[in-house]
Amino acid sequence: MAQTVYLKAEGTSTAETKIIANLNYQSSFKNYKELQNELQNLQKTLHTIGYLESAIVAIQKHPENNFLASYNLGRLYTTARINFDADFNTSHLKLVSTAITKTYFEVDVSTLESTLQRLNSEIIAQGAPFSTLHLTNIKTEDGMLTAQLQVDRNKTRKIDAIIVKGYEKFPKSFIKQYLKLKPKQVFNLKAITLKTEALENLRFATQIKAPEVLFTKDSTLLYIYVDKQKSNTFDGFIGFGTNAETNKLEFDGYLNLKLINTLHYGESFRVLYKSDENDQKTFDVTAKLPFLFGSPIGTQFGLHIFKKDSSYISTSQFAKIDYYINPRNAVTVGINAVNSATLLEVPIVNTTDFRSHFYNLSYVHSRPRLQDNLFPIQFLFEISGGLGQRTLENSETTQTKIELTTFNIFTLNARNSVYAHLNGALLNSEQFLNNELFRFGGINSIRGFEEQSLMANLYTVLNTEYRYNVSNTLYVHSIIDVAYYENQNNVTKDNLLGLGFGFGMLTQAGLFKLNYSNGSSRQQSIKLSDSKVHLSISASF
């Protein structure tokens, strides 16, 4: 039966013994071989911290399997001066040393090993994956360690081909512009691995495993492993509440279909239809094409139709050009044209036919976390501004427009988080028409109010939720929404409040949500009879 053996290490003086003790070496072992390995590790540690002349003087065995190892530490060397050849790239040295000359650099002896590893990593990053560093002509003189840095280089490697495995139809433009990988780039596996992690933020694809490389005598082949994901979504909701005037139950709802990467180009296509209790109908079609012809340029097109009962109908068309700075940031320029026509023989006050066009500039920053099925977007910031002109029968008016949307999820711990969403818009003009004002209110705006029932030339809405994750597939939340808006046409300035609660549940059919909310303003207090209930389901296919 094996017996435990014990080790005690000491120096030639009390001070040396204390230094050794502070290294926290292992003191008990299953057998003598493990003890010998610890003695070698202890010797290496002493050399690393600068006791380059340290050595084991004796090993004595005492009763009951106790061993005493005696060390002579010798002189402590704190500085290493490393000489290098004239052709060495000294730009690497700025990362590891502040004492650099034309022929040598100095570092602490205790960091020498990590310094060489860092330098070797930098050389490898320049496309020489098989390069090695070592020290020659090592000496100790005048209290300093000196050595010559020897670099064994091989041929610089560049990526010759990028091969996608798993999802072979993965858009090539996304490899070049989204992952920033292309042939003829200097090979750096560490940098490549970091870049391919961005695949986790794509809705239509994910990374199966880390990238791999095949080196041959004449080529460097990079393999990326990708799996296609379900990315098309269908969502909709049904809302109902009691009409304050008729006391009848009224329904509203919408259908939202989004197709992503159906043609394997990373494109998206969206169709939305909305109908609400105020006899308002909305129809939206948008198409987005990123990275055209393998460039960082994309484009968007869209059509928006809004019909207000039998009062008027407005049609808006837009075209945009996107420039993708990186996967999280984009700048957009575009043009938007609006044509609105009244449907009544006797028009409503402040409602008339008009045409307008705007030239827009916008910026978007987003931080997705698609691994979270309940809350796939962590942060979003989008701001846009536009300069345009509205044309009536015999007059033209210059207008400006600013819109802002931003939200963030503040994670408190694994189960608790706070969601804050800010949305606002401003239309600046000499006078306003009702059929050009912003419309807000409802499930995707300030909750507790009828869908698109509020009109404003200026508004801001803050949505907040305190969320508690019951499990990975179920959460409950509060609803506290506040808003301020102005409507110069009817000289209104008002504060709004929406209160309620809700829950979300991930089912096999998709994400099911239920919200119960009630709204109030300065003129109207909360009435339970005015409460709104919204049911929605969002499914991927």
Protein backbone atom coordinates (compact mmCIF):
# COMPACT_ATOMS: atom_id res chain seq x y z
CA MET A 1 0.00 0.00 0.00
CA ALA A 2 1.42 3.41 -1.03
CA GLN A 3 2.40 5.72 1.79
CA THR A 4 2.18 9.50 1.78
CA VAL A 5 5.51 11.32 1.61
CA TYR A 6 6.11 14.84 2.86
CA LEU A 7 8.37 17.66 1.71
CA LYS A 8 9.89 20.65 3.46
CA ALA A 9 12.13 23.08 1.56
CA GLU A 10 14.53 25.54 3.16
CA GLY A 11 17.25 27.97 2.13
CA THR A 12 20.69 28.74 3.48
CA SER A 13 19.22 31.45 5.69
CA THR A 14 15.98 32.38 7.38
CA ALA A 15 15.34 34.98 4.67
CA GLU A 16 15.79 32.43 1.89
CA THR A 17 13.53 29.94 3.66
CA LYS A 18 10.82 32.59 3.88
CA ILE A 19 11.14 33.33 0.15
CA ILE A 20 10.71 29.63 -0.65
CA ALA A 21 7.74 29.30 1.70
CA ASN A 22 5.99 32.20 -0.02
CA LEU A 23 5.97 30.19 -3.27
CA ASN A 24 3.28 27.93 -1.74
CA TYR A 25 4.83 24.69 -2.95
CA GLN A 26 3.05 21.37 -2.47
CA SER A 27 4.09 19.53 0.69
CA SER A 28 2.46 16.06 0.56
CA PHE A 29 2.51 13.43 -2.19
CA LYS A 30 1.31 9.95 -2.98
CA ASN A 31 4.81 8.75 -3.84
CA TYR A 32 8.43 9.86 -4.18
CA LYS A 33 8.16 10.45 -7.94
CA GLU A 34 5.53 13.15 -7.40
CA LEU A 35 7.82 14.73 -4.82
CA GLN A 36 10.67 14.83 -7.34
CA ASN A 37 8.40 16.53 -9.89
CA GLU A 38 7.52 19.20 -7.32
CA LEU A 39 11.21 19.82 -6.64
CA GLN A 40 11.75 20.43 -10.36
CA ASN A 41 8.75 22.78 -10.51
CA LEU A 42 10.04 24.68 -7.49
CA GLN A 43 13.45 25.03 -9.12
CA LYS A 44 11.82 26.37 -12.30
CA THR A 45 9.76 28.87 -10.31
CA LEU A 46 12.88 30.18 -8.55
CA HIS A 47 14.58 30.70 -11.91
CA THR A 48 11.50 32.47 -13.25
CA ILE A 49 11.38 35.02 -10.44
CA GLY A 50 15.08 35.83 -10.88
CA TYR A 51 17.08 33.39 -8.76
CA LEU A 52 18.95 32.14 -11.81
CA GLU A 53 21.81 30.56 -9.81
CA SER A 54 19.57 28.69 -7.38
CA ALA A 55 20.28 25.01 -6.90
CA ILE A 56 19.39 22.09 -4.64
CA VAL A 57 22.23 21.53 -2.19
CA ALA A 58 20.92 18.34 -0.58
CA ILE A 59 17.85 16.15 -0.08
CA GLN A 60 17.66 14.41 3.29
CA LYS A 61 15.22 11.70 4.30
CA HIS A 62 13.89 11.79 7.85
CA PRO A 63 11.67 9.33 9.72
CA GLU A 64 8.03 8.80 8.72
CA ASN A 65 8.67 9.62 5.04
CA ASN A 66 9.65 13.25 5.66
CA PHE A 67 12.11 14.80 3.18
CA LEU A 68 14.07 18.00 3.64
CA ALA A 69 15.29 19.80 0.50
CA SER A 70 17.99 22.42 1.00
CA TYR A 71 18.34 25.21 -1.58
CA ASN A 72 20.99 27.82 -2.19
CA LEU A 73 19.18 30.70 -3.91
CA GLY A 74 22.21 32.73 -4.84
CA ARG A 75 21.90 36.21 -6.29
CA LEU A 76 18.59 37.76 -7.35
CA TYR A 77 18.55 39.07 -10.93
CA THR A 78 15.70 41.49 -11.59
CA THR A 79 16.45 42.80 -15.10
CA ALA A 80 16.98 40.98 -18.39
CA ARG A 81 18.66 42.76 -21.31
CA ILE A 82 17.77 41.08 -24.60
CA ASN A 83 19.84 41.95 -27.67
CA PHE A 84 18.33 41.62 -31.13
CA ASP A 85 19.47 41.76 -34.75
CA ALA A 86 19.14 44.89 -36.89
CA ASP A 87 16.36 43.35 -39.04
CA PHE A 88 14.09 42.62 -36.06
CA ASN A 89 10.72 44.42 -36.19
CA THR A 90 10.94 46.64 -33.12
CA SER A 91 7.27 47.70 -33.33
CA HIS A 92 6.45 44.50 -31.43
CA LEU A 93 8.59 45.59 -28.49
CA LYS A 94 6.34 48.49 -27.55
CA LEU A 95 3.83 45.93 -26.31
CA VAL A 96 6.23 44.37 -23.80
CA SER A 97 8.85 46.93 -22.79
CA THR A 98 9.39 50.61 -22.14
CA ALA A 99 13.20 50.36 -22.14
CA ILE A 100 14.02 49.98 -25.84
CA THR A 101 17.12 50.97 -27.80
CA LYS A 102 18.29 50.25 -31.35
CA THR A 103 20.07 47.07 -30.27
CA TYR A 104 18.35 45.74 -27.14
CA PHE A 105 15.33 45.96 -24.84
CA GLU A 106 14.95 45.33 -21.13
CA VAL A 107 12.24 43.56 -19.13
CA ASP A 108 11.84 42.12 -15.65
CA VAL A 109 13.27 38.63 -15.36
CA SER A 110 10.00 37.50 -13.79
CA THR A 111 8.13 38.41 -17.01
CA LEU A 112 10.73 37.15 -19.48
CA GLU A 113 8.91 33.93 -20.37
CA SER A 114 5.56 35.66 -20.95
CA THR A 115 7.36 38.39 -22.93
CA LEU A 116 8.81 35.85 -25.35
CA GLN A 117 5.39 34.21 -25.71
CA ARG A 118 3.81 37.59 -26.48
CA LEU A 119 6.46 38.45 -29.05
CA ASN A 120 6.05 35.07 -30.70
CA SER A 121 2.27 35.59 -30.89
CA GLU A 122 2.81 38.95 -32.60
CA ILE A 123 5.13 37.41 -35.17
CA ILE A 124 2.63 34.62 -35.81
CA ALA A 125 -0.07 37.27 -36.27
CA GLN A 126 2.00 38.68 -39.13
CA GLY A 127 1.43 35.46 -41.04
CA ALA A 128 4.27 33.24 -39.87
CA PRO A 129 2.46 30.50 -37.90
CA PHE A 130 5.49 28.25 -37.46
CA SER A 131 7.96 30.88 -36.26
CA THR A 132 9.75 30.32 -32.94
CA LEU A 133 11.80 32.44 -30.54
CA HIS A 134 14.62 31.38 -28.28
CA LEU A 135 17.52 32.93 -26.40
CA THR A 136 21.19 32.26 -27.08
CA ASN A 137 24.45 33.40 -25.51
CA ILE A 138 22.79 33.68 -22.08
CA LYS A 139 25.01 35.35 -19.48
CA THR A 140 24.80 36.89 -16.03
CA GLU A 141 27.00 39.89 -15.52
CA ASP A 142 26.92 43.05 -13.43
CA GLY A 143 23.72 41.94 -11.71
CA MET A 144 21.87 41.57 -15.02
CA LEU A 145 20.80 38.72 -17.28
CA THR A 146 21.85 39.24 -20.91
CA ALA A 147 20.96 37.15 -23.95
CA GLN A 148 20.65 37.25 -27.72
CA LEU A 149 17.16 36.93 -29.22
CA GLN A 150 17.06 34.38 -32.01
CA VAL A 151 14.05 34.34 -34.35
CA ASP A 152 13.47 31.30 -36.53
CA ARG A 153 11.09 32.47 -39.22
CA ASN A 154 9.25 30.56 -41.89
CA LYS A 155 7.51 31.78 -45.01
CA THR A 156 4.69 34.27 -44.39
CA ARG A 157 1.35 32.54 -44.87
CA LYS A 158 -1.68 34.11 -46.52
CA ILE A 159 -5.18 32.69 -46.88
CA ASP A 160 -5.51 31.08 -50.30
CA ALA A 161 -9.12 29.93 -50.04
CA ILE A 162 -12.04 30.06 -47.60
CA ILE A 163 -14.20 26.94 -47.56
CA VAL A 164 -17.58 26.87 -45.81
CA LYS A 165 -18.70 23.52 -44.43
CA GLY A 166 -22.24 22.69 -43.33
CA TYR A 167 -24.12 25.54 -44.98
CA GLU A 168 -22.37 25.67 -48.35
CA LYS A 169 -24.75 28.37 -49.70
CA PHE A 170 -23.75 30.81 -46.96
CA PRO A 171 -23.60 34.26 -48.65
CA LYS A 172 -20.08 34.96 -49.89
CA SER A 173 -20.57 38.69 -49.40
CA PHE A 174 -21.02 38.09 -45.65
CA ILE A 175 -17.66 36.31 -45.49
CA LYS A 176 -15.95 39.31 -47.05
CA GLN A 177 -17.84 42.20 -45.43
CA TYR A 178 -19.49 40.84 -42.28
CA LEU A 179 -16.67 38.55 -41.11
CA LYS A 180 -13.98 40.68 -42.83
CA LEU A 181 -12.28 37.57 -44.23
CA LYS A 182 -10.99 37.20 -47.76
CA PRO A 183 -8.23 35.42 -49.71
CA LYS A 184 -4.74 36.97 -49.72
CA GLN A 185 -5.14 38.18 -46.13
CA VAL A 186 -2.22 37.46 -43.83
CA PHE A 187 -3.07 34.32 -41.88
CA ASN A 188 -3.72 34.82 -38.16
CA LEU A 189 -5.79 32.05 -36.60
CA LYS A 190 -6.43 33.96 -33.37
CA ALA A 191 -7.84 36.97 -35.24
CA ILE A 192 -9.84 34.69 -37.55
CA THR A 193 -11.40 32.90 -34.58
CA LEU A 194 -12.48 36.22 -33.07
CA LYS A 195 -14.02 37.32 -36.38
CA THR A 196 -16.02 34.13 -36.89
CA GLU A 197 -17.59 34.55 -33.45
CA ALA A 198 -19.72 37.24 -35.14
CA LEU A 199 -21.64 34.37 -36.78
CA GLU A 200 -23.42 33.94 -33.44
CA ASN A 201 -25.10 37.32 -34.06
CA LEU A 202 -26.61 36.34 -37.41
CA ARG A 203 -30.25 35.31 -37.46
CA PHE A 204 -29.92 32.93 -40.39
CA ALA A 205 -26.69 31.10 -39.49
CA THR A 206 -24.55 30.03 -36.56
CA GLN A 207 -21.07 28.65 -36.07
CA ILE A 208 -20.87 24.88 -35.47
CA LYS A 209 -17.28 24.86 -34.24
CA ALA A 210 -14.14 26.97 -34.34
CA PRO A 211 -12.46 27.51 -37.72
CA GLU A 212 -9.69 25.17 -38.81
CA VAL A 213 -6.80 25.51 -41.24
CA LEU A 214 -5.08 23.10 -43.59
CA PHE A 215 -1.46 23.90 -44.42
CA THR A 216 0.10 22.35 -47.50
CA LYS A 217 3.45 23.10 -49.04
CA ASP A 218 2.01 25.74 -51.36
CA SER A 219 -1.35 26.78 -49.87
CA THR A 220 -3.26 27.76 -46.74
CA LEU A 221 -6.91 26.66 -46.71
CA LEU A 222 -9.30 28.10 -44.11
CA TYR A 223 -12.37 26.05 -43.14
CA ILE A 224 -15.41 27.71 -41.54
CA TYR A 225 -18.15 25.53 -40.07
CA VAL A 226 -21.62 27.07 -40.36
CA ASP A 227 -25.16 25.78 -39.82
CA LYS A 228 -28.28 27.36 -41.36
CA GLN A 229 -30.87 28.52 -38.83
CA LYS A 230 -34.61 29.10 -38.98
CA SER A 231 -34.82 32.84 -39.50
CA ASN A 232 -38.20 33.57 -41.08
CA THR A 233 -40.66 34.96 -38.56
CA PHE A 234 -44.39 35.36 -38.38
CA ASP A 235 -46.00 37.30 -35.59
CA GLY A 236 -49.30 38.91 -34.87
CA PHE A 237 -51.55 40.02 -32.09
CA ILE A 238 -55.19 40.41 -31.23
CA GLY A 239 -56.16 43.28 -28.97
CA PHE A 240 -59.51 44.00 -27.46
CA GLY A 241 -61.07 46.54 -25.16
CA THR A 242 -64.29 48.39 -24.45
CA ASN A 243 -65.19 51.46 -26.48
CA ALA A 244 -65.61 54.37 -24.06
CA GLU A 245 -68.51 55.83 -26.08
CA THR A 246 -70.46 52.74 -27.11
CA ASN A 247 -69.42 50.35 -24.30
CA LYS A 248 -69.00 47.67 -26.97
CA LEU A 249 -66.10 45.25 -27.21
CA GLU A 250 -63.77 46.19 -30.06
CA PHE A 251 -60.95 44.20 -31.65
CA ASP A 252 -57.75 45.19 -33.37
CA GLY A 253 -54.66 43.35 -34.52
CA TYR A 254 -51.86 42.94 -37.01
CA LEU A 255 -49.95 40.36 -39.04
CA ASN A 256 -46.22 40.70 -39.58
CA LEU A 257 -44.32 38.35 -41.90
CA LYS A 258 -40.54 38.59 -42.26
CA LEU A 259 -38.53 36.42 -44.65
CA ILE A 260 -34.77 36.38 -44.09
CA ASN A 261 -32.12 34.84 -46.36
CA THR A 262 -34.65 32.93 -48.45
CA LEU A 263 -32.49 33.45 -51.55
CA HIS A 264 -29.21 32.82 -49.65
CA TYR A 265 -27.99 36.40 -50.08
CA GLY A 266 -28.67 37.53 -46.51
CA GLU A 267 -31.61 39.61 -47.76
CA SER A 268 -34.78 40.33 -45.79
CA PHE A 269 -38.35 40.96 -46.93
CA ARG A 270 -41.14 42.18 -44.63
CA VAL A 271 -44.90 42.48 -45.05
CA LEU A 272 -47.11 44.02 -42.35
CA TYR A 273 -50.85 44.50 -42.24
CA LYS A 274 -52.55 46.24 -39.32
CA SER A 275 -56.19 47.01 -38.62
CA ASP A 276 -57.42 48.71 -35.46
CA GLU A 277 -60.63 49.60 -33.66
CA ASN A 278 -60.62 53.12 -35.11
CA ASP A 279 -61.10 51.80 -38.64
CA GLN A 280 -57.48 52.57 -39.49
CA LYS A 281 -55.56 50.27 -41.78
CA THR A 282 -51.81 50.07 -42.36
CA PHE A 283 -49.93 48.13 -45.02
CA ASP A 284 -46.13 47.99 -45.14
CA VAL A 285 -43.72 46.27 -47.53
CA THR A 286 -39.95 46.59 -47.10
CA ALA A 287 -36.98 44.86 -48.71
CA LYS A 288 -33.38 45.00 -47.52
CA LEU A 289 -30.37 43.86 -49.54
CA PRO A 290 -27.03 44.01 -47.66
CA PHE A 291 -23.49 43.90 -49.08
CA LEU A 292 -24.32 44.41 -52.74
CA PHE A 293 -21.76 42.82 -55.09
CA GLY A 294 -19.56 41.97 -52.10
CA SER A 295 -19.22 45.63 -51.07
CA PRO A 296 -20.01 47.24 -47.68
CA ILE A 297 -22.95 48.97 -49.39
CA GLY A 298 -26.54 47.79 -49.04
CA THR A 299 -29.92 49.11 -50.04
CA GLN A 300 -33.48 49.26 -48.73
CA PHE A 301 -36.82 49.88 -50.45
CA GLY A 302 -40.23 50.25 -48.92
CA LEU A 303 -43.87 51.12 -49.38
CA HIS A 304 -46.17 52.33 -46.58
CA ILE A 305 -49.92 52.83 -46.98
CA PHE A 306 -52.11 54.26 -44.23
CA LYS A 307 -55.88 54.68 -44.53
CA LYS A 308 -57.83 56.65 -41.93
CA ASP A 309 -61.47 55.37 -42.15
CA SER A 310 -63.09 57.37 -44.97
CA SER A 311 -61.10 60.55 -44.27
CA TYR A 312 -57.86 60.16 -46.18
CA ILE A 313 -55.22 57.77 -47.46
CA SER A 314 -51.46 58.36 -47.40
CA THR A 315 -48.85 56.52 -49.43
CA SER A 316 -45.16 56.71 -48.58
CA GLN A 317 -42.27 55.27 -50.57
CA PHE A 318 -38.62 55.24 -49.59
CA ALA A 319 -35.25 54.18 -50.94
CA LYS A 320 -32.09 54.00 -48.83
CA ILE A 321 -28.41 53.24 -49.25
CA ASP A 322 -26.69 51.62 -46.26
CA TYR A 323 -23.00 51.71 -45.46
CA TYR A 324 -22.00 48.99 -42.98
CA ILE A 325 -19.10 50.20 -40.85
CA ASN A 326 -18.96 46.84 -39.06
CA PRO A 327 -21.49 44.20 -37.94
CA ARG A 328 -22.88 46.52 -35.26
CA ASN A 329 -22.83 49.94 -36.92
CA ALA A 330 -24.34 51.34 -40.11
CA VAL A 331 -24.93 54.75 -41.69
CA THR A 332 -27.84 55.29 -44.07
CA VAL A 333 -28.82 57.98 -46.57
CA GLY A 334 -32.14 57.95 -48.37
CA ILE A 335 -35.13 59.69 -49.86
CA ASN A 336 -38.76 59.44 -48.79
CA ALA A 337 -41.76 60.57 -50.87
CA VAL A 338 -45.28 60.95 -49.45
CA ASN A 339 -48.56 61.43 -51.30
CA SER A 340 -51.73 62.00 -49.24
CA ALA A 341 -55.26 62.36 -50.60
CA THR A 342 -58.51 63.15 -48.80
CA LEU A 343 -61.48 60.86 -49.45
CA LEU A 344 -64.32 63.11 -48.30
CA GLU A 345 -66.10 65.61 -50.53
CA VAL A 346 -66.03 68.04 -47.62
CA PRO A 347 -62.52 67.75 -46.13
CA ILE A 348 -61.91 67.75 -42.39
CA VAL A 349 -60.27 70.82 -40.89
CA ASN A 350 -56.46 70.72 -41.23
CA THR A 351 -56.71 67.74 -43.57
CA THR A 352 -56.04 68.22 -47.28
CA ASP A 353 -54.18 66.74 -50.24
CA PHE A 354 -50.41 67.19 -50.20
CA ARG A 355 -47.15 65.80 -51.51
CA SER A 356 -43.80 65.86 -49.70
CA HIS A 357 -40.31 64.48 -50.00
CA PHE A 358 -37.47 64.21 -47.49
CA TYR A 359 -33.74 63.54 -47.78
CA ASN A 360 -32.72 61.52 -44.74
CA LEU A 361 -29.54 60.60 -42.88
CA SER A 362 -29.54 57.97 -40.12
CA TYR A 363 -27.21 55.96 -37.90
CA VAL A 364 -27.86 52.56 -36.30
CA HIS A 365 -25.96 50.71 -33.58
CA SER A 366 -27.14 47.35 -32.26
CA ARG A 367 -25.90 44.65 -29.91
CA PRO A 368 -27.70 41.34 -30.44
CA ARG A 369 -27.62 38.29 -28.17
CA LEU A 370 -29.40 35.74 -30.32
CA GLN A 371 -28.57 32.90 -27.94
CA ASP A 372 -31.32 34.32 -25.70
CA ASN A 373 -34.61 33.14 -27.19
CA LEU A 374 -36.71 35.47 -25.05
CA PHE A 375 -34.74 38.71 -25.52
CA PRO A 376 -32.53 38.41 -28.62
CA ILE A 377 -31.50 42.10 -28.78
CA GLN A 378 -29.54 43.60 -25.88
CA PHE A 379 -29.20 47.19 -27.10
CA LEU A 380 -30.35 49.35 -30.00
CA PHE A 381 -29.73 52.97 -30.87
CA GLU A 382 -31.17 54.48 -34.05
CA ILE A 383 -31.40 58.15 -34.91
CA SER A 384 -32.43 59.79 -38.17
CA GLY A 385 -32.87 63.30 -39.45
CA GLY A 386 -34.50 64.58 -42.60
CA LEU A 387 -34.81 67.79 -44.58
CA GLY A 388 -37.72 68.07 -46.97
CA GLN A 389 -40.45 70.05 -48.61
CA ARG A 390 -44.22 69.76 -48.53
CA THR A 391 -46.24 70.87 -51.56
CA LEU A 392 -49.88 71.93 -51.47
CA GLU A 393 -51.89 73.23 -54.43
CA ASN A 394 -50.28 76.66 -54.44
CA SER A 395 -47.62 76.66 -51.74
CA GLU A 396 -44.42 74.94 -50.68
CA THR A 397 -43.14 74.60 -47.11
CA THR A 398 -39.69 73.55 -45.94
CA GLN A 399 -39.81 70.95 -43.16
CA THR A 400 -37.35 69.09 -40.95
CA LYS A 401 -37.85 65.82 -39.15
CA ILE A 402 -35.95 64.00 -36.37
CA GLU A 403 -36.72 60.49 -35.07
CA LEU A 404 -35.04 58.52 -32.28
CA THR A 405 -35.42 54.94 -31.07
CA THR A 406 -33.22 53.33 -28.43
CA PHE A 407 -33.58 50.57 -25.87
CA ASN A 408 -31.45 48.55 -23.50
CA ILE A 409 -31.86 45.56 -21.20
CA PHE A 410 -30.20 46.18 -17.84
CA THR A 411 -29.42 42.75 -16.40
CA LEU A 412 -29.50 42.71 -12.59
CA ASN A 413 -28.85 38.98 -12.16
CA ALA A 414 -29.74 35.67 -13.82
CA ARG A 415 -33.48 36.13 -13.25
CA ASN A 416 -34.08 39.87 -12.92
CA SER A 417 -33.69 42.62 -15.51
CA VAL A 418 -35.05 46.05 -16.39
CA TYR A 419 -36.07 46.95 -19.94
CA ALA A 420 -36.13 50.62 -20.99
CA HIS A 421 -37.25 51.79 -24.44
CA LEU A 422 -37.24 55.43 -25.57
CA ASN A 423 -38.94 56.54 -28.77
CA GLY A 424 -39.54 60.08 -29.98
CA ALA A 425 -40.04 62.23 -33.05
CA LEU A 426 -40.21 65.88 -34.04
CA LEU A 427 -41.69 67.48 -37.16
CA ASN A 428 -40.74 71.12 -37.64
CA SER A 429 -42.92 73.17 -40.00
CA GLU A 430 -44.68 76.54 -40.29
CA GLN A 431 -48.05 74.82 -40.09
CA PHE A 432 -49.22 71.22 -39.85
CA LEU A 433 -51.76 68.95 -41.49
CA ASN A 434 -53.44 66.15 -39.57
CA ASN A 435 -52.59 63.66 -42.28
CA GLU A 436 -48.85 64.32 -41.97
CA LEU A 437 -48.58 64.18 -38.17
CA PHE A 438 -46.94 61.30 -36.34
CA ARG A 439 -49.34 58.66 -35.03
CA PHE A 440 -48.59 56.67 -31.90
CA GLY A 441 -50.25 54.71 -29.11
CA GLY A 442 -50.89 51.00 -28.65
CA ILE A 443 -48.96 47.80 -28.05
CA ASN A 444 -45.76 48.96 -29.79
CA SER A 445 -45.94 52.49 -28.38
CA ILE A 446 -47.51 53.70 -25.12
CA ARG A 447 -49.59 50.81 -23.86
CA GLY A 448 -53.08 51.28 -22.46
CA PHE A 449 -54.19 53.45 -25.40
CA GLU A 450 -55.89 52.60 -28.68
CA GLU A 451 -53.68 51.76 -31.65
CA GLN A 452 -52.39 54.90 -33.43
CA SER A 453 -55.06 56.98 -31.73
CA LEU A 454 -52.75 59.87 -30.82
CA MET A 455 -51.47 62.51 -33.27
CA ALA A 456 -48.51 64.80 -32.64
CA ASN A 457 -45.93 66.99 -34.27
CA LEU A 458 -43.72 66.26 -31.22
CA TYR A 459 -43.80 63.23 -28.94
CA THR A 460 -41.61 61.10 -26.73
CA VAL A 461 -42.51 57.74 -25.17
CA LEU A 462 -40.60 55.87 -22.47
CA ASN A 463 -41.55 52.21 -22.03
CA THR A 464 -40.24 50.37 -18.98
CA GLU A 465 -40.61 46.81 -17.78
CA TYR A 466 -39.31 45.04 -14.71
CA ARG A 467 -38.81 41.47 -15.88
CA TYR A 468 -38.54 38.31 -13.82
CA ASN A 469 -37.46 35.12 -15.56
CA VAL A 470 -39.41 32.25 -14.01
CA SER A 471 -37.49 29.86 -16.29
CA ASN A 472 -35.67 29.88 -19.61
CA THR A 473 -39.04 29.83 -21.37
CA LEU A 474 -41.27 31.98 -19.13
CA TYR A 475 -41.08 35.52 -17.79
CA VAL A 476 -43.45 37.99 -16.15
CA HIS A 477 -43.15 41.76 -16.26
CA SER A 478 -44.61 45.05 -15.17
CA ILE A 479 -45.69 47.85 -17.53
CA ILE A 480 -44.93 51.46 -16.68
CA ASP A 481 -45.05 53.75 -19.72
CA VAL A 482 -44.90 57.54 -19.76
CA ALA A 483 -45.23 59.93 -22.69
CA TYR A 484 -45.38 63.60 -23.57
CA TYR A 485 -46.74 64.97 -26.82
CA GLU A 486 -47.72 68.20 -28.54
CA ASN A 487 -50.25 68.76 -31.30
CA GLN A 488 -50.26 72.35 -32.51
CA ASN A 489 -53.36 71.81 -34.65
CA ASN A 490 -55.61 71.41 -31.61
CA VAL A 491 -53.27 73.25 -29.20
CA THR A 492 -52.65 70.15 -27.10
CA LYS A 493 -49.79 69.49 -24.71
CA ASP A 494 -50.33 66.44 -22.56
CA ASN A 495 -48.64 63.87 -20.35
CA LEU A 496 -49.67 60.23 -20.65
CA LEU A 497 -49.29 57.25 -18.33
CA GLY A 498 -49.73 53.57 -19.09
CA LEU A 499 -49.75 50.93 -16.33
CA GLY A 500 -50.16 47.19 -16.44
CA PHE A 501 -48.52 43.79 -16.41
CA GLY A 502 -47.86 40.89 -18.72
CA PHE A 503 -45.99 37.68 -19.37
CA GLY A 504 -44.18 35.92 -22.18
CA MET A 505 -43.94 32.17 -22.70
CA LEU A 506 -41.84 30.28 -25.22
CA THR A 507 -43.89 27.42 -26.63
CA GLN A 508 -43.43 24.95 -29.48
CA ALA A 509 -45.53 27.27 -31.63
CA GLY A 510 -43.41 30.34 -30.77
CA LEU A 511 -43.22 33.15 -28.23
CA PHE A 512 -46.66 33.84 -26.77
CA LYS A 513 -47.25 37.18 -25.01
CA LEU A 514 -50.13 38.63 -23.03
CA ASN A 515 -50.30 42.26 -21.89
CA TYR A 516 -52.95 43.94 -19.76
CA SER A 517 -52.68 47.73 -19.56
CA ASN A 518 -54.63 50.90 -18.86
CA GLY A 519 -53.86 54.47 -19.83
CA SER A 520 -54.54 57.90 -18.41
CA SER A 521 -53.89 61.55 -19.27
CA ARG A 522 -54.40 64.94 -17.65
CA GLN A 523 -57.98 65.02 -18.87
CA GLN A 524 -58.81 61.38 -18.24
CA SER A 525 -58.07 59.24 -15.20
CA ILE A 526 -57.65 55.48 -15.27
CA LYS A 527 -60.87 53.52 -15.80
CA LEU A 528 -60.90 49.74 -15.62
CA SER A 529 -63.48 49.68 -18.40
CA ASP A 530 -60.90 51.25 -20.74
CA SER A 531 -58.29 48.54 -20.12
CA LYS A 532 -56.57 46.95 -23.10
CA VAL A 533 -55.64 43.29 -23.44
CA HIS A 534 -53.20 42.22 -26.15
CA LEU A 535 -52.39 38.66 -27.15
CA SER A 536 -49.51 38.03 -29.56
CA ILE A 537 -47.58 35.09 -30.96
CA SER A 538 -44.23 35.16 -32.74
CA ALA A 539 -42.99 32.04 -34.53
CA SER A 540 -39.88 31.16 -36.53
CA PHE A 541 -39.88 28.86 -39.54
